[in-house]
Amino acid sequence: MKKTFEKIYLTLIFIFMYAPIAALIVLSFNASKSRAKWGGFTLEWYANLLSDSEVLDALINTLVIAFIATIFATLIGTVTCIAMMGLKRRSRAIIMGITNIPMINADIVTGISLMLLFRIMNVSTGFLTVVLAHITFNIPFVMLSVMPRMKELNPSVYEAALDLGATPYTAFTKTVLPDLLPAIISGALMAFTMSLDDFIITYFTKGSGFDTLSTLIYNEVKRGIQPEIYALSAIIFTVVLLLLLFINRVPHKLSIPHK
């Protein structure tokens, strides 16, 4: 009886979480603009997205920002984790605690704080400020992925490579980097997903005249929901879902042999 109730409970939770998304995806293929009437299957709304320059510009902005933020956040987060291993355990704990604050803190607080910082520094909001904001909140996610793997490494292997005549760079790339690579890729994919999906921080740091997909959808919803928005939202959900599934498989599937 207990197992039956557990299954019912889990089923209700999944229905509550994913039924609205499923309804949105179904409506994105509805030929009728009415949400209460099924007018047949169509791909018209997806085709309309390809001819909408505003949507395409927002898509390009979103992808470019996500790629740039992911690259820099991954580099900074990985290097920081490597550097922290030279510190004492208490110092590492303090730094990790400070680093985790942006993840625990509400996005609206982070967004407003960054907006005020850019205004104090007289930095014009737009593409650059959004990239900087995304790098800032993505670094902790990379560190959260890399640091546990970094703690599992055996430093004796790196030291043995140095004793055998390898340069510090060669010893790092041959002994440390291969073991860290799955965690680095996992952190990079997580950063890319978070950047792709972010709205609140982007909204407060983008300024006027610049949009990503999330802010464009928000502006369109205020004018009245169009079927193209259903199609766009369905695409974003599918991309994020595929990335998350890939993230969960990377640590188990990726293996780099030592040479």
C-alpha atoms as a PDB file:
ATOM      1  CA  MET A   1       0.000   0.000   0.000  1.00  0.00           C
ATOM      2  CA  LYS A   2       2.835   2.360   0.865  1.00  0.00           C
ATOM      3  CA  LYS A   3       4.523   1.805  -2.499  1.00  0.00           C
ATOM      4  CA  THR A   4       1.221   2.448  -4.271  1.00  0.00           C
ATOM      5  CA  PHE A   5       0.802   5.800  -2.532  1.00  0.00           C
ATOM      6  CA  GLU A   6       4.409   6.684  -3.346  1.00  0.00           C
ATOM      7  CA  LYS A   7       3.834   5.975  -7.039  1.00  0.00           C
ATOM      8  CA  ILE A   8       0.617   8.019  -7.043  1.00  0.00           C
ATOM      9  CA  TYR A   9       2.384  10.878  -5.294  1.00  0.00           C
ATOM     10  CA  LEU A  10       5.290  10.880  -7.755  1.00  0.00           C
ATOM     11  CA  THR A  11       2.878  10.700 -10.688  1.00  0.00           C
ATOM     12  CA  LEU A  12       0.949  13.724  -9.422  1.00  0.00           C
ATOM     13  CA  ILE A  13       4.184  15.661  -8.935  1.00  0.00           C
ATOM     14  CA  PHE A  14       5.324  14.947 -12.490  1.00  0.00           C
ATOM     15  CA  ILE A  15       1.899  15.862 -13.873  1.00  0.00           C
ATOM     16  CA  PHE A  16       1.923  19.127 -11.941  1.00  0.00           C
ATOM     17  CA  MET A  17       5.424  19.979 -13.187  1.00  0.00           C
ATOM     18  CA  TYR A  18       5.211  18.939 -16.823  1.00  0.00           C
ATOM     19  CA  ALA A  19       1.533  19.123 -17.829  1.00  0.00           C
ATOM     20  CA  PRO A  20       1.750  22.910 -18.534  1.00  0.00           C
ATOM     21  CA  ILE A  21       4.858  22.383 -20.672  1.00  0.00           C
ATOM     22  CA  ALA A  22       3.193  19.528 -22.536  1.00  0.00           C
ATOM     23  CA  ALA A  23       0.153  21.759 -23.193  1.00  0.00           C
ATOM     24  CA  LEU A  24       2.434  24.505 -24.521  1.00  0.00           C
ATOM     25  CA  ILE A  25       4.166  22.101 -26.909  1.00  0.00           C
ATOM     26  CA  VAL A  26       0.827  20.766 -28.161  1.00  0.00           C
ATOM     27  CA  LEU A  27      -0.463  24.311 -28.746  1.00  0.00           C
ATOM     28  CA  SER A  28       2.661  25.118 -30.768  1.00  0.00           C
ATOM     29  CA  PHE A  29       1.354  22.658 -33.391  1.00  0.00           C
ATOM     30  CA  ASN A  30      -2.230  23.919 -33.263  1.00  0.00           C
ATOM     31  CA  ALA A  31      -3.393  25.482 -36.550  1.00  0.00           C
ATOM     32  CA  SER A  32      -5.935  27.606 -34.674  1.00  0.00           C
ATOM     33  CA  LYS A  33      -4.820  30.696 -32.767  1.00  0.00           C
ATOM     34  CA  SER A  34      -7.414  29.874 -30.131  1.00  0.00           C
ATOM     35  CA  ARG A  35      -6.040  28.077 -27.091  1.00  0.00           C
ATOM     36  CA  ALA A  36      -9.411  26.440 -26.441  1.00  0.00           C
ATOM     37  CA  LYS A  37      -9.940  24.966 -29.912  1.00  0.00           C
ATOM     38  CA  TRP A  38      -7.878  22.446 -31.869  1.00  0.00           C
ATOM     39  CA  GLY A  39      -7.678  23.486 -35.506  1.00  0.00           C
ATOM     40  CA  GLY A  40      -5.473  20.689 -36.771  1.00  0.00           C
ATOM     41  CA  PHE A  41      -1.760  19.990 -36.934  1.00  0.00           C
ATOM     42  CA  THR A  42       0.537  22.631 -38.450  1.00  0.00           C
ATOM     43  CA  LEU A  43       4.167  23.738 -38.553  1.00  0.00           C
ATOM     44  CA  GLU A  44       3.218  27.261 -39.594  1.00  0.00           C
ATOM     45  CA  TRP A  45       4.245  28.876 -36.320  1.00  0.00           C
ATOM     46  CA  TYR A  46       7.689  27.274 -36.478  1.00  0.00           C
ATOM     47  CA  ALA A  47       8.071  28.426 -40.090  1.00  0.00           C
ATOM     48  CA  ASN A  48       7.070  31.963 -39.102  1.00  0.00           C
ATOM     49  CA  LEU A  49       9.933  32.058 -36.613  1.00  0.00           C
ATOM     50  CA  LEU A  50      12.455  31.645 -39.441  1.00  0.00           C
ATOM     51  CA  SER A  51      11.107  34.708 -41.226  1.00  0.00           C
ATOM     52  CA  ASP A  52      10.958  36.885 -38.102  1.00  0.00           C
ATOM     53  CA  SER A  53      14.126  39.005 -38.029  1.00  0.00           C
ATOM     54  CA  GLU A  54      13.492  40.128 -34.459  1.00  0.00           C
ATOM     55  CA  VAL A  55      13.376  36.549 -33.221  1.00  0.00           C
ATOM     56  CA  LEU A  56      16.454  35.565 -35.226  1.00  0.00           C
ATOM     57  CA  ASP A  57      18.413  38.521 -33.808  1.00  0.00           C
ATOM     58  CA  ALA A  58      17.405  37.536 -30.291  1.00  0.00           C
ATOM     59  CA  LEU A  59      18.400  33.929 -31.000  1.00  0.00           C
ATOM     60  CA  ILE A  60      21.830  34.993 -32.261  1.00  0.00           C
ATOM     61  CA  ASN A  61      22.316  37.234 -29.215  1.00  0.00           C
ATOM     62  CA  THR A  62      21.334  34.406 -26.888  1.00  0.00           C
ATOM     63  CA  LEU A  63      23.698  31.865 -28.458  1.00  0.00           C
ATOM     64  CA  VAL A  64      26.660  34.245 -28.748  1.00  0.00           C
ATOM     65  CA  ILE A  65      26.279  35.365 -25.130  1.00  0.00           C
ATOM     66  CA  ALA A  66      25.918  31.771 -23.954  1.00  0.00           C
ATOM     67  CA  PHE A  67      29.052  30.632 -25.831  1.00  0.00           C
ATOM     68  CA  ILE A  68      31.208  33.559 -24.660  1.00  0.00           C
ATOM     69  CA  ALA A  69      29.991  33.339 -21.062  1.00  0.00           C
ATOM     70  CA  THR A  70      30.521  29.569 -21.024  1.00  0.00           C
ATOM     71  CA  ILE A  71      34.093  29.801 -22.312  1.00  0.00           C
ATOM     72  CA  PHE A  72      35.191  32.482 -19.838  1.00  0.00           C
ATOM     73  CA  ALA A  73      33.264  31.049 -16.882  1.00  0.00           C
ATOM     74  CA  THR A  74      34.749  27.605 -17.546  1.00  0.00           C
ATOM     75  CA  LEU A  75      38.287  28.946 -17.779  1.00  0.00           C
ATOM     76  CA  ILE A  76      37.976  31.122 -14.676  1.00  0.00           C
ATOM     77  CA  GLY A  77      36.158  28.477 -12.651  1.00  0.00           C
ATOM     78  CA  THR A  78      38.598  25.694 -13.564  1.00  0.00           C
ATOM     79  CA  VAL A  79      41.720  27.777 -12.923  1.00  0.00           C
ATOM     80  CA  THR A  80      40.268  28.929  -9.608  1.00  0.00           C
ATOM     81  CA  CYS A  81      39.637  25.338  -8.500  1.00  0.00           C
ATOM     82  CA  ILE A  82      43.184  24.347  -9.431  1.00  0.00           C
ATOM     83  CA  ALA A  83      44.640  27.340  -7.585  1.00  0.00           C
ATOM     84  CA  MET A  84      42.521  26.655  -4.484  1.00  0.00           C
ATOM     85  CA  MET A  85      44.062  23.212  -4.062  1.00  0.00           C
ATOM     86  CA  GLY A  86      47.222  24.956  -2.885  1.00  0.00           C
ATOM     87  CA  LEU A  87      45.334  26.550   0.003  1.00  0.00           C
ATOM     88  CA  LYS A  88      44.530  25.128   3.415  1.00  0.00           C
ATOM     89  CA  ARG A  89      41.255  23.266   3.853  1.00  0.00           C
ATOM     90  CA  ARG A  90      39.699  26.059   5.939  1.00  0.00           C
ATOM     91  CA  SER A  91      40.613  28.680   3.348  1.00  0.00           C
ATOM     92  CA  ARG A  92      39.114  26.554   0.571  1.00  0.00           C
ATOM     93  CA  ALA A  93      35.913  26.129   2.566  1.00  0.00           C
ATOM     94  CA  ILE A  94      35.609  29.888   3.076  1.00  0.00           C
ATOM     95  CA  ILE A  95      36.198  30.655  -0.598  1.00  0.00           C
ATOM     96  CA  MET A  96      33.731  27.980  -1.718  1.00  0.00           C
ATOM     97  CA  GLY A  97      31.163  29.356   0.704  1.00  0.00           C
ATOM     98  CA  ILE A  98      31.573  32.835  -0.755  1.00  0.00           C
ATOM     99  CA  THR A  99      31.457  31.430  -4.286  1.00  0.00           C
ATOM    100  CA  ASN A 100      28.204  29.582  -3.616  1.00  0.00           C
ATOM    101  CA  ILE A 101      26.406  32.743  -2.481  1.00  0.00           C
ATOM    102  CA  PRO A 102      25.343  33.726  -6.048  1.00  0.00           C
ATOM    103  CA  MET A 103      23.682  30.317  -6.457  1.00  0.00           C
ATOM    104  CA  ILE A 104      21.828  30.580  -3.150  1.00  0.00           C
ATOM    105  CA  ASN A 105      21.020  34.260  -3.550  1.00  0.00           C
ATOM    106  CA  ALA A 106      17.844  35.267  -5.381  1.00  0.00           C
ATOM    107  CA  ASP A 107      18.404  36.079  -9.061  1.00  0.00           C
ATOM    108  CA  ILE A 108      16.583  39.371  -8.708  1.00  0.00           C
ATOM    109  CA  VAL A 109      19.061  40.503  -6.035  1.00  0.00           C
ATOM    110  CA  THR A 110      22.005  39.532  -8.254  1.00  0.00           C
ATOM    111  CA  GLY A 111      20.435  41.264 -11.258  1.00  0.00           C
ATOM    112  CA  ILE A 112      19.729  44.518  -9.410  1.00  0.00           C
ATOM    113  CA  SER A 113      23.205  44.472  -7.811  1.00  0.00           C
ATOM    114  CA  LEU A 114      24.908  44.097 -11.186  1.00  0.00           C
ATOM    115  CA  MET A 115      22.701  46.778 -12.708  1.00  0.00           C
ATOM    116  CA  LEU A 116      23.668  49.230  -9.939  1.00  0.00           C
ATOM    117  CA  LEU A 117      27.341  48.307 -10.328  1.00  0.00           C
ATOM    118  CA  PHE A 118      27.270  49.025 -14.056  1.00  0.00           C
ATOM    119  CA  ARG A 119      25.540  52.361 -13.453  1.00  0.00           C
ATOM    120  CA  ILE A 120      28.059  53.377 -10.792  1.00  0.00           C
ATOM    121  CA  MET A 121      30.880  52.510 -13.213  1.00  0.00           C
ATOM    122  CA  ASN A 122      29.098  54.436 -16.017  1.00  0.00           C
ATOM    123  CA  VAL A 123      29.056  51.333 -18.221  1.00  0.00           C
ATOM    124  CA  SER A 124      26.414  51.446 -20.946  1.00  0.00           C
ATOM    125  CA  THR A 125      24.109  48.458 -20.616  1.00  0.00           C
ATOM    126  CA  GLY A 126      23.820  46.131 -23.579  1.00  0.00           C
ATOM    127  CA  PHE A 127      25.661  43.146 -25.015  1.00  0.00           C
ATOM    128  CA  LEU A 128      28.823  43.601 -22.910  1.00  0.00           C
ATOM    129  CA  THR A 129      27.030  43.980 -19.583  1.00  0.00           C
ATOM    130  CA  VAL A 130      24.895  40.897 -20.233  1.00  0.00           C
ATOM    131  CA  VAL A 131      28.013  38.851 -21.062  1.00  0.00           C
ATOM    132  CA  LEU A 132      29.757  40.032 -17.882  1.00  0.00           C
ATOM    133  CA  ALA A 133      26.651  39.252 -15.827  1.00  0.00           C
ATOM    134  CA  HIS A 134      26.369  35.759 -17.279  1.00  0.00           C
ATOM    135  CA  ILE A 135      30.051  35.043 -16.659  1.00  0.00           C
ATOM    136  CA  THR A 136      29.595  36.167 -13.057  1.00  0.00           C
ATOM    137  CA  PHE A 137      26.707  33.882 -12.176  1.00  0.00           C
ATOM    138  CA  ASN A 138      28.065  30.940 -14.208  1.00  0.00           C
ATOM    139  CA  ILE A 139      31.449  30.693 -12.484  1.00  0.00           C
ATOM    140  CA  PRO A 140      30.007  29.086  -9.305  1.00  0.00           C
ATOM    141  CA  PHE A 141      28.271  26.390 -11.368  1.00  0.00           C
ATOM    142  CA  VAL A 142      31.553  25.485 -13.051  1.00  0.00           C
ATOM    143  CA  MET A 143      33.384  25.401  -9.731  1.00  0.00           C
ATOM    144  CA  LEU A 144      30.648  23.260  -8.203  1.00  0.00           C
ATOM    145  CA  SER A 145      31.261  20.710 -10.954  1.00  0.00           C
ATOM    146  CA  VAL A 146      35.081  20.824 -11.047  1.00  0.00           C
ATOM    147  CA  MET A 147      35.986  21.112  -7.354  1.00  0.00           C
ATOM    148  CA  PRO A 148      34.674  17.677  -6.205  1.00  0.00           C
ATOM    149  CA  ARG A 149      36.626  16.017  -9.010  1.00  0.00           C
ATOM    150  CA  MET A 150      39.692  18.096  -8.149  1.00  0.00           C
ATOM    151  CA  LYS A 151      39.604  16.822  -4.560  1.00  0.00           C
ATOM    152  CA  GLU A 152      39.642  13.215  -5.773  1.00  0.00           C
ATOM    153  CA  LEU A 153      42.870  13.601  -7.756  1.00  0.00           C
ATOM    154  CA  ASN A 154      46.064  12.098  -6.426  1.00  0.00           C
ATOM    155  CA  PRO A 155      48.730  14.838  -6.357  1.00  0.00           C
ATOM    156  CA  SER A 156      51.443  12.176  -6.295  1.00  0.00           C
ATOM    157  CA  VAL A 157      50.821  11.439  -9.978  1.00  0.00           C
ATOM    158  CA  TYR A 158      51.541  15.059 -10.934  1.00  0.00           C
ATOM    159  CA  GLU A 159      54.621  15.144  -8.698  1.00  0.00           C
ATOM    160  CA  ALA A 160      55.859  11.866 -10.173  1.00  0.00           C
ATOM    161  CA  ALA A 161      55.593  13.323 -13.671  1.00  0.00           C
ATOM    162  CA  LEU A 162      57.726  16.288 -12.562  1.00  0.00           C
ATOM    163  CA  ASP A 163      60.295  13.942 -11.013  1.00  0.00           C
ATOM    164  CA  LEU A 164      60.508  12.064 -14.310  1.00  0.00           C
ATOM    165  CA  GLY A 165      61.496  15.247 -16.136  1.00  0.00           C
ATOM    166  CA  ALA A 166      58.192  16.582 -17.425  1.00  0.00           C
ATOM    167  CA  THR A 167      57.628  20.322 -17.456  1.00  0.00           C
ATOM    168  CA  PRO A 168      54.813  21.665 -15.233  1.00  0.00           C
ATOM    169  CA  TYR A 169      52.674  22.266 -18.336  1.00  0.00           C
ATOM    170  CA  THR A 170      53.267  18.768 -19.719  1.00  0.00           C
ATOM    171  CA  ALA A 171      52.687  17.168 -16.323  1.00  0.00           C
ATOM    172  CA  PHE A 172      49.397  19.057 -15.953  1.00  0.00           C
ATOM    173  CA  THR A 173      48.083  18.238 -19.434  1.00  0.00           C
ATOM    174  CA  LYS A 174      49.080  14.560 -19.184  1.00  0.00           C
ATOM    175  CA  THR A 175      48.077  13.744 -15.591  1.00  0.00           C
ATOM    176  CA  VAL A 176      45.618  16.314 -14.225  1.00  0.00           C
ATOM    177  CA  LEU A 177      43.661  17.600 -17.212  1.00  0.00           C
ATOM    178  CA  PRO A 178      42.479  14.187 -18.505  1.00  0.00           C
ATOM    179  CA  ASP A 179      40.939  13.408 -15.114  1.00  0.00           C
ATOM    180  CA  LEU A 180      39.351  16.852 -14.859  1.00  0.00           C
ATOM    181  CA  LEU A 181      38.004  16.951 -18.403  1.00  0.00           C
ATOM    182  CA  PRO A 182      34.654  15.212 -17.721  1.00  0.00           C
ATOM    183  CA  ALA A 183      33.941  17.601 -14.843  1.00  0.00           C
ATOM    184  CA  ILE A 184      35.044  20.606 -16.917  1.00  0.00           C
ATOM    185  CA  ILE A 185      32.754  19.634 -19.792  1.00  0.00           C
ATOM    186  CA  SER A 186      29.890  18.980 -17.388  1.00  0.00           C
ATOM    187  CA  GLY A 187      30.393  22.404 -15.793  1.00  0.00           C
ATOM    188  CA  ALA A 188      30.632  24.086 -19.199  1.00  0.00           C
ATOM    189  CA  LEU A 189      27.379  22.496 -20.362  1.00  0.00           C
ATOM    190  CA  MET A 190      25.671  23.530 -17.143  1.00  0.00           C
ATOM    191  CA  ALA A 191      26.937  27.096 -17.606  1.00  0.00           C
ATOM    192  CA  PHE A 192      25.704  27.131 -21.204  1.00  0.00           C
ATOM    193  CA  THR A 193      22.280  25.882 -20.107  1.00  0.00           C
ATOM    194  CA  MET A 194      21.986  28.475 -17.340  1.00  0.00           C
ATOM    195  CA  SER A 195      23.025  31.273 -19.690  1.00  0.00           C
ATOM    196  CA  LEU A 196      20.632  30.121 -22.383  1.00  0.00           C
ATOM    197  CA  ASP A 197      17.730  29.980 -19.944  1.00  0.00           C
ATOM    198  CA  ASP A 198      18.386  33.104 -17.860  1.00  0.00           C
ATOM    199  CA  PHE A 199      15.826  35.894 -17.790  1.00  0.00           C
ATOM    200  CA  ILE A 200      15.919  37.889 -14.547  1.00  0.00           C
ATOM    201  CA  ILE A 201      19.608  38.832 -14.512  1.00  0.00           C
ATOM    202  CA  THR A 202      19.532  39.473 -18.259  1.00  0.00           C
ATOM    203  CA  TYR A 203      16.478  41.706 -17.893  1.00  0.00           C
ATOM    204  CA  PHE A 204      18.199  43.981 -15.375  1.00  0.00           C
ATOM    205  CA  THR A 205      21.519  44.228 -17.226  1.00  0.00           C
ATOM    206  CA  LYS A 206      20.534  44.367 -20.902  1.00  0.00           C
ATOM    207  CA  GLY A 207      19.327  47.954 -21.207  1.00  0.00           C
ATOM    208  CA  SER A 208      16.897  49.080 -23.887  1.00  0.00           C
ATOM    209  CA  GLY A 209      17.098  48.054 -27.545  1.00  0.00           C
ATOM    210  CA  PHE A 210      18.791  44.734 -26.823  1.00  0.00           C
ATOM    211  CA  ASP A 211      17.012  41.414 -26.351  1.00  0.00           C
ATOM    212  CA  THR A 212      17.712  37.743 -25.838  1.00  0.00           C
ATOM    213  CA  LEU A 213      15.112  35.046 -26.399  1.00  0.00           C
ATOM    214  CA  SER A 214      13.923  35.112 -22.792  1.00  0.00           C
ATOM    215  CA  THR A 215      13.421  38.884 -22.680  1.00  0.00           C
ATOM    216  CA  LEU A 216      11.851  38.881 -26.151  1.00  0.00           C
ATOM    217  CA  ILE A 217       9.302  36.283 -25.048  1.00  0.00           C
ATOM    218  CA  TYR A 218       8.519  38.372 -21.966  1.00  0.00           C
ATOM    219  CA  ASN A 219       7.920  41.479 -24.076  1.00  0.00           C
ATOM    220  CA  GLU A 220       5.755  39.540 -26.519  1.00  0.00           C
ATOM    221  CA  VAL A 221       3.644  38.075 -23.730  1.00  0.00           C
ATOM    222  CA  LYS A 222       2.844  41.561 -22.454  1.00  0.00           C
ATOM    223  CA  ARG A 223       1.379  42.439 -25.849  1.00  0.00           C
ATOM    224  CA  GLY A 224      -0.615  39.223 -26.092  1.00  0.00           C
ATOM    225  CA  ILE A 225       0.555  35.668 -26.537  1.00  0.00           C
ATOM    226  CA  GLN A 226       1.042  34.723 -30.182  1.00  0.00           C
ATOM    227  CA  PRO A 227       1.325  31.115 -31.417  1.00  0.00           C
ATOM    228  CA  GLU A 228       4.902  31.789 -32.487  1.00  0.00           C
ATOM    229  CA  ILE A 229       5.763  32.241 -28.809  1.00  0.00           C
ATOM    230  CA  TYR A 230       4.514  28.720 -28.117  1.00  0.00           C
ATOM    231  CA  ALA A 231       6.797  27.399 -30.859  1.00  0.00           C
ATOM    232  CA  LEU A 232       9.769  29.396 -29.576  1.00  0.00           C
ATOM    233  CA  SER A 233       9.191  28.260 -25.992  1.00  0.00           C
ATOM    234  CA  ALA A 234       8.911  24.642 -27.138  1.00  0.00           C
ATOM    235  CA  ILE A 235      12.255  24.913 -28.945  1.00  0.00           C
ATOM    236  CA  ILE A 236      13.968  26.431 -25.901  1.00  0.00           C
ATOM    237  CA  PHE A 237      12.577  23.728 -23.618  1.00  0.00           C
ATOM    238  CA  THR A 238      13.707  20.976 -25.978  1.00  0.00           C
ATOM    239  CA  VAL A 239      17.239  22.384 -26.303  1.00  0.00           C
ATOM    240  CA  VAL A 240      17.623  22.820 -22.538  1.00  0.00           C
ATOM    241  CA  LEU A 241      16.243  19.329 -21.903  1.00  0.00           C
ATOM    242  CA  LEU A 242      18.695  17.746 -24.360  1.00  0.00           C
ATOM    243  CA  LEU A 243      21.606  19.642 -22.813  1.00  0.00           C
ATOM    244  CA  LEU A 244      20.632  18.551 -19.302  1.00  0.00           C
ATOM    245  CA  LEU A 245      20.335  14.935 -20.412  1.00  0.00           C
ATOM    246  CA  PHE A 246      23.761  15.188 -22.025  1.00  0.00           C
ATOM    247  CA  ILE A 247      25.201  16.776 -18.870  1.00  0.00           C
ATOM    248  CA  ASN A 248      23.994  13.855 -16.780  1.00  0.00           C
ATOM    249  CA  ARG A 249      25.574  11.345 -19.165  1.00  0.00           C
ATOM    250  CA  VAL A 250      28.964  13.051 -19.623  1.00  0.00           C
ATOM    251  CA  PRO A 251      30.560  12.017 -16.294  1.00  0.00           C
ATOM    252  CA  HIS A 252      29.618   8.375 -16.932  1.00  0.00           C
ATOM    253  CA  LYS A 253      30.427   8.161 -20.643  1.00  0.00           C
ATOM    254  CA  LEU A 254      33.472  10.364 -21.105  1.00  0.00           C
ATOM    255  CA  SER A 255      36.777   8.740 -20.309  1.00  0.00           C
ATOM    256  CA  ILE A 256      40.182  10.060 -21.386  1.00  0.00           C
ATOM    257  CA  PRO A 257      42.980   7.479 -21.102  1.00  0.00           C
ATOM    258  CA  HIS A 258      46.400   8.476 -19.874  1.00  0.00           C
ATOM    259  CA  LYS A 259      49.234   8.324 -22.347  1.00  0.00           C
END
